[in-house]
Amino acid sequence: MASRALVSRVHKLEERVTLLEQLPARVDALGLQISQLRDEMRAEFSATRLRDEETNQRIGVLHEDIIGRLALIQEGQPRRRKRR
C-alpha cells in the first residue's frame, strides 16, 4: 500500500514538474502576444487621432462657412432701431 501511494505521489510530482518546465515558454509566448497587442493598439490610436484631426478641420471649415452665410443673411435684412 505504501508503495502505491509513493508511486502515485511521484507521478503527480512528475506532472507538476512537467507543467512548471513549460511555464517559461508560455510566459515568453504571452510576452510576445502582449508586445504585438501594444503595437496594434498604438497603430489604431494613431489612426484614430488622425481621423479626429481631420474631423476637427472639417468642422472648422463648416463653422466658417456658416458664419459667412449668417453674415450674408444679416446684410440683406433691414437694420433694427435700438430701443431707448
N, C-alpha and C. Protein backbone atom coordinates (compact mmCIF):
# COMPACT_ATOMS: atom_id res chain seq x y z
N MET A 1 0.81 -1.19 0.00
CA MET A 1 0.00 0.00 0.00
C MET A 1 0.85 1.25 0.00
N ALA A 2 1.87 1.23 0.81
CA ALA A 2 2.73 2.40 0.91
C ALA A 2 3.44 2.65 -0.42
N SER A 3 3.78 1.59 -1.13
CA SER A 3 4.48 1.79 -2.41
C SER A 3 3.55 2.36 -3.47
N ARG A 4 2.27 1.98 -3.44
CA ARG A 4 1.30 2.55 -4.38
C ARG A 4 1.13 4.04 -4.13
N ALA A 5 1.02 4.43 -2.88
CA ALA A 5 0.87 5.83 -2.52
C ALA A 5 2.10 6.60 -2.96
N LEU A 6 3.27 5.99 -2.78
CA LEU A 6 4.52 6.64 -3.18
C LEU A 6 4.58 6.79 -4.70
N VAL A 7 4.20 5.76 -5.42
CA VAL A 7 4.20 5.82 -6.88
C VAL A 7 3.23 6.89 -7.36
N SER A 8 2.07 6.96 -6.72
CA SER A 8 1.08 7.97 -7.09
C SER A 8 1.62 9.38 -6.83
N ARG A 9 2.26 9.57 -5.69
CA ARG A 9 2.83 10.88 -5.37
C ARG A 9 3.94 11.25 -6.34
N VAL A 10 4.77 10.30 -6.69
CA VAL A 10 5.86 10.56 -7.63
C VAL A 10 5.28 10.93 -9.00
N HIS A 11 4.25 10.23 -9.40
CA HIS A 11 3.60 10.51 -10.69
C HIS A 11 3.03 11.93 -10.70
N LYS A 12 2.36 12.32 -9.62
CA LYS A 12 1.81 13.67 -9.54
C LYS A 12 2.92 14.72 -9.54
N LEU A 13 4.01 14.43 -8.85
CA LEU A 13 5.13 15.36 -8.85
C LEU A 13 5.74 15.51 -10.25
N GLU A 14 5.84 14.41 -10.97
CA GLU A 14 6.36 14.46 -12.34
C GLU A 14 5.46 15.32 -13.23
N GLU A 15 4.15 15.18 -13.05
CA GLU A 15 3.22 16.00 -13.83
C GLU A 15 3.40 17.48 -13.51
N ARG A 16 3.55 17.79 -12.22
CA ARG A 16 3.75 19.18 -11.82
C ARG A 16 5.05 19.74 -12.38
N VAL A 17 6.10 18.96 -12.31
CA VAL A 17 7.39 19.42 -12.83
C VAL A 17 7.29 19.66 -14.33
N THR A 18 6.61 18.78 -15.04
CA THR A 18 6.43 18.95 -16.48
C THR A 18 5.70 20.26 -16.77
N LEU A 19 4.64 20.54 -16.01
CA LEU A 19 3.91 21.79 -16.20
C LEU A 19 4.79 22.99 -15.87
N LEU A 20 5.56 22.91 -14.82
CA LEU A 20 6.45 24.01 -14.44
C LEU A 20 7.54 24.23 -15.48
N GLU A 21 8.00 23.15 -16.09
CA GLU A 21 9.02 23.28 -17.14
C GLU A 21 8.47 23.99 -18.37
N GLN A 22 7.19 23.86 -18.61
CA GLN A 22 6.55 24.51 -19.76
C GLN A 22 6.26 25.99 -19.49
N LEU A 23 6.26 26.36 -18.24
CA LEU A 23 5.87 27.71 -17.85
C LEU A 23 6.73 28.81 -18.49
N PRO A 24 8.07 28.74 -18.49
CA PRO A 24 8.85 29.83 -19.11
C PRO A 24 8.51 30.05 -20.59
N ALA A 25 8.31 28.99 -21.33
CA ALA A 25 7.95 29.14 -22.75
C ALA A 25 6.58 29.79 -22.89
N ARG A 26 5.67 29.44 -22.02
CA ARG A 26 4.34 30.03 -22.07
C ARG A 26 4.39 31.51 -21.71
N VAL A 27 5.21 31.86 -20.74
CA VAL A 27 5.37 33.27 -20.35
C VAL A 27 5.99 34.05 -21.50
N ASP A 28 7.00 33.48 -22.15
CA ASP A 28 7.62 34.14 -23.31
C ASP A 28 6.61 34.37 -24.43
N ALA A 29 5.79 33.37 -24.69
CA ALA A 29 4.77 33.49 -25.73
C ALA A 29 3.76 34.58 -25.36
N LEU A 30 3.40 34.64 -24.10
CA LEU A 30 2.46 35.66 -23.64
C LEU A 30 3.08 37.05 -23.78
N GLY A 31 4.37 37.16 -23.45
CA GLY A 31 5.05 38.45 -23.61
C GLY A 31 5.05 38.90 -25.05
N LEU A 32 5.25 37.99 -25.98
CA LEU A 32 5.21 38.31 -27.41
C LEU A 32 3.82 38.77 -27.83
N GLN A 33 2.81 38.09 -27.34
CA GLN A 33 1.44 38.47 -27.68
C GLN A 33 1.11 39.87 -27.14
N ILE A 34 1.57 40.17 -25.94
CA ILE A 34 1.34 41.49 -25.36
C ILE A 34 2.04 42.55 -26.19
N SER A 35 3.26 42.26 -26.61
CA SER A 35 4.02 43.21 -27.43
C SER A 35 3.30 43.47 -28.76
N GLN A 36 2.80 42.42 -29.38
CA GLN A 36 2.06 42.57 -30.63
C GLN A 36 0.78 43.38 -30.42
N LEU A 37 0.10 43.12 -29.31
CA LEU A 37 -1.12 43.85 -29.00
C LEU A 37 -0.82 45.34 -28.82
N ARG A 38 0.28 45.65 -28.13
CA ARG A 38 0.66 47.05 -27.93
C ARG A 38 0.91 47.73 -29.27
N ASP A 39 1.62 47.05 -30.18
CA ASP A 39 1.89 47.62 -31.50
C ASP A 39 0.60 47.88 -32.26
N GLU A 40 -0.32 46.93 -32.22
CA GLU A 40 -1.59 47.09 -32.92
C GLU A 40 -2.41 48.23 -32.31
N MET A 41 -2.43 48.31 -30.99
CA MET A 41 -3.19 49.38 -30.34
C MET A 41 -2.57 50.74 -30.64
N ARG A 42 -1.26 50.82 -30.64
CA ARG A 42 -0.58 52.08 -30.95
C ARG A 42 -0.96 52.54 -32.36
N ALA A 43 -0.96 51.62 -33.30
CA ALA A 43 -1.31 51.96 -34.68
C ALA A 43 -2.77 52.43 -34.77
N GLU A 44 -3.66 51.75 -34.07
CA GLU A 44 -5.07 52.12 -34.11
C GLU A 44 -5.32 53.47 -33.44
N PHE A 45 -4.65 53.72 -32.32
CA PHE A 45 -4.81 55.02 -31.66
C PHE A 45 -4.28 56.14 -32.54
N SER A 46 -3.18 55.89 -33.24
CA SER A 46 -2.65 56.92 -34.15
C SER A 46 -3.63 57.21 -35.27
N ALA A 47 -4.23 56.15 -35.81
CA ALA A 47 -5.21 56.33 -36.88
C ALA A 47 -6.43 57.09 -36.36
N THR A 48 -6.84 56.80 -35.14
CA THR A 48 -7.98 57.49 -34.56
C THR A 48 -7.68 58.96 -34.36
N ARG A 49 -6.46 59.27 -33.86
CA ARG A 49 -6.07 60.68 -33.68
C ARG A 49 -6.08 61.41 -35.00
N LEU A 50 -5.58 60.76 -36.04
CA LEU A 50 -5.54 61.37 -37.37
C LEU A 50 -6.96 61.67 -37.85
N ARG A 51 -7.87 60.69 -37.67
CA ARG A 51 -9.26 60.92 -38.08
C ARG A 51 -9.89 62.05 -37.28
N ASP A 52 -9.56 62.14 -35.98
CA ASP A 52 -10.08 63.22 -35.15
C ASP A 52 -9.60 64.57 -35.67
N GLU A 53 -8.32 64.65 -36.04
CA GLU A 53 -7.79 65.91 -36.56
C GLU A 53 -8.49 66.29 -37.86
N GLU A 54 -8.71 65.31 -38.73
CA GLU A 54 -9.41 65.59 -39.99
C GLU A 54 -10.83 66.07 -39.71
N THR A 55 -11.49 65.43 -38.77
CA THR A 55 -12.86 65.82 -38.42
C THR A 55 -12.88 67.24 -37.88
N ASN A 56 -11.95 67.56 -37.00
CA ASN A 56 -11.89 68.91 -36.44
C ASN A 56 -11.63 69.95 -37.53
N GLN A 57 -10.79 69.63 -38.50
CA GLN A 57 -10.55 70.56 -39.61
C GLN A 57 -11.83 70.78 -40.41
N ARG A 58 -12.54 69.71 -40.69
CA ARG A 58 -13.79 69.83 -41.44
C ARG A 58 -14.82 70.64 -40.66
N ILE A 59 -14.87 70.43 -39.35
CA ILE A 59 -15.80 71.20 -38.52
C ILE A 59 -15.44 72.68 -38.58
N GLY A 60 -14.14 72.98 -38.54
CA GLY A 60 -13.71 74.38 -38.63
C GLY A 60 -14.13 75.02 -39.94
N VAL A 61 -13.97 74.29 -41.04
CA VAL A 61 -14.37 74.81 -42.36
C VAL A 61 -15.87 75.05 -42.39
N LEU A 62 -16.63 74.09 -41.90
CA LEU A 62 -18.09 74.24 -41.88
C LEU A 62 -18.51 75.40 -40.98
N HIS A 63 -17.84 75.57 -39.86
CA HIS A 63 -18.15 76.68 -38.96
C HIS A 63 -17.93 78.02 -39.66
N GLU A 64 -16.80 78.15 -40.32
CA GLU A 64 -16.51 79.39 -41.03
C GLU A 64 -17.54 79.63 -42.14
N ASP A 65 -17.95 78.57 -42.81
CA ASP A 65 -18.96 78.69 -43.87
C ASP A 65 -20.28 79.19 -43.29
N ILE A 66 -20.67 78.63 -42.17
CA ILE A 66 -21.92 79.04 -41.53
C ILE A 66 -21.85 80.50 -41.10
N ILE A 67 -20.73 80.90 -40.52
CA ILE A 67 -20.56 82.29 -40.09
C ILE A 67 -20.69 83.22 -41.30
N GLY A 68 -20.08 82.85 -42.40
CA GLY A 68 -20.17 83.65 -43.62
C GLY A 68 -21.59 83.74 -44.14
N ARG A 69 -22.29 82.63 -44.14
CA ARG A 69 -23.68 82.63 -44.61
C ARG A 69 -24.57 83.47 -43.70
N LEU A 70 -24.36 83.37 -42.40
CA LEU A 70 -25.16 84.18 -41.48
C LEU A 70 -24.89 85.67 -41.70
N ALA A 71 -23.65 86.02 -41.97
CA ALA A 71 -23.32 87.42 -42.24
C ALA A 71 -24.03 87.91 -43.49
N LEU A 72 -24.08 87.07 -44.53
CA LEU A 72 -24.78 87.44 -45.76
C LEU A 72 -26.28 87.62 -45.51
N ILE A 73 -26.84 86.73 -44.72
CA ILE A 73 -28.27 86.83 -44.41
C ILE A 73 -28.56 88.12 -43.66
N GLN A 74 -27.71 88.44 -42.71
CA GLN A 74 -27.92 89.67 -41.93
C GLN A 74 -27.75 90.92 -42.78
N GLU A 75 -26.90 90.90 -43.79
CA GLU A 75 -26.72 92.05 -44.67
C GLU A 75 -28.00 92.34 -45.44
N GLY A 76 -28.75 91.33 -45.78
CA GLY A 76 -29.96 91.50 -46.57
C GLY A 76 -31.17 91.93 -45.75
N GLN A 77 -31.08 91.91 -44.44
CA GLN A 77 -32.21 92.27 -43.59
C GLN A 77 -32.10 93.74 -43.20
N PRO A 78 -33.29 94.37 -43.04
CA PRO A 78 -33.25 95.78 -42.59
C PRO A 78 -32.70 95.87 -41.18
N ARG A 79 -32.03 96.95 -40.94
CA ARG A 79 -31.44 97.17 -39.61
C ARG A 79 -32.53 97.51 -38.60
N ARG A 80 -32.39 97.03 -37.43
CA ARG A 80 -33.34 97.32 -36.36
C ARG A 80 -32.88 98.57 -35.63
N ARG A 81 -33.88 99.32 -35.22
CA ARG A 81 -33.57 100.50 -34.42
C ARG A 81 -33.36 100.08 -32.98
N LYS A 82 -32.43 100.72 -32.34
CA LYS A 82 -32.18 100.42 -30.94
C LYS A 82 -33.25 101.06 -30.07
N ARG A 83 -33.70 100.38 -29.11
CA ARG A 83 -34.70 100.91 -28.17
C ARG A 83 -33.99 101.72 -27.10
N ARG A 84 -34.62 102.78 -26.71
CA ARG A 84 -34.03 103.61 -25.66
C ARG A 84 -34.81 103.55 -24.40
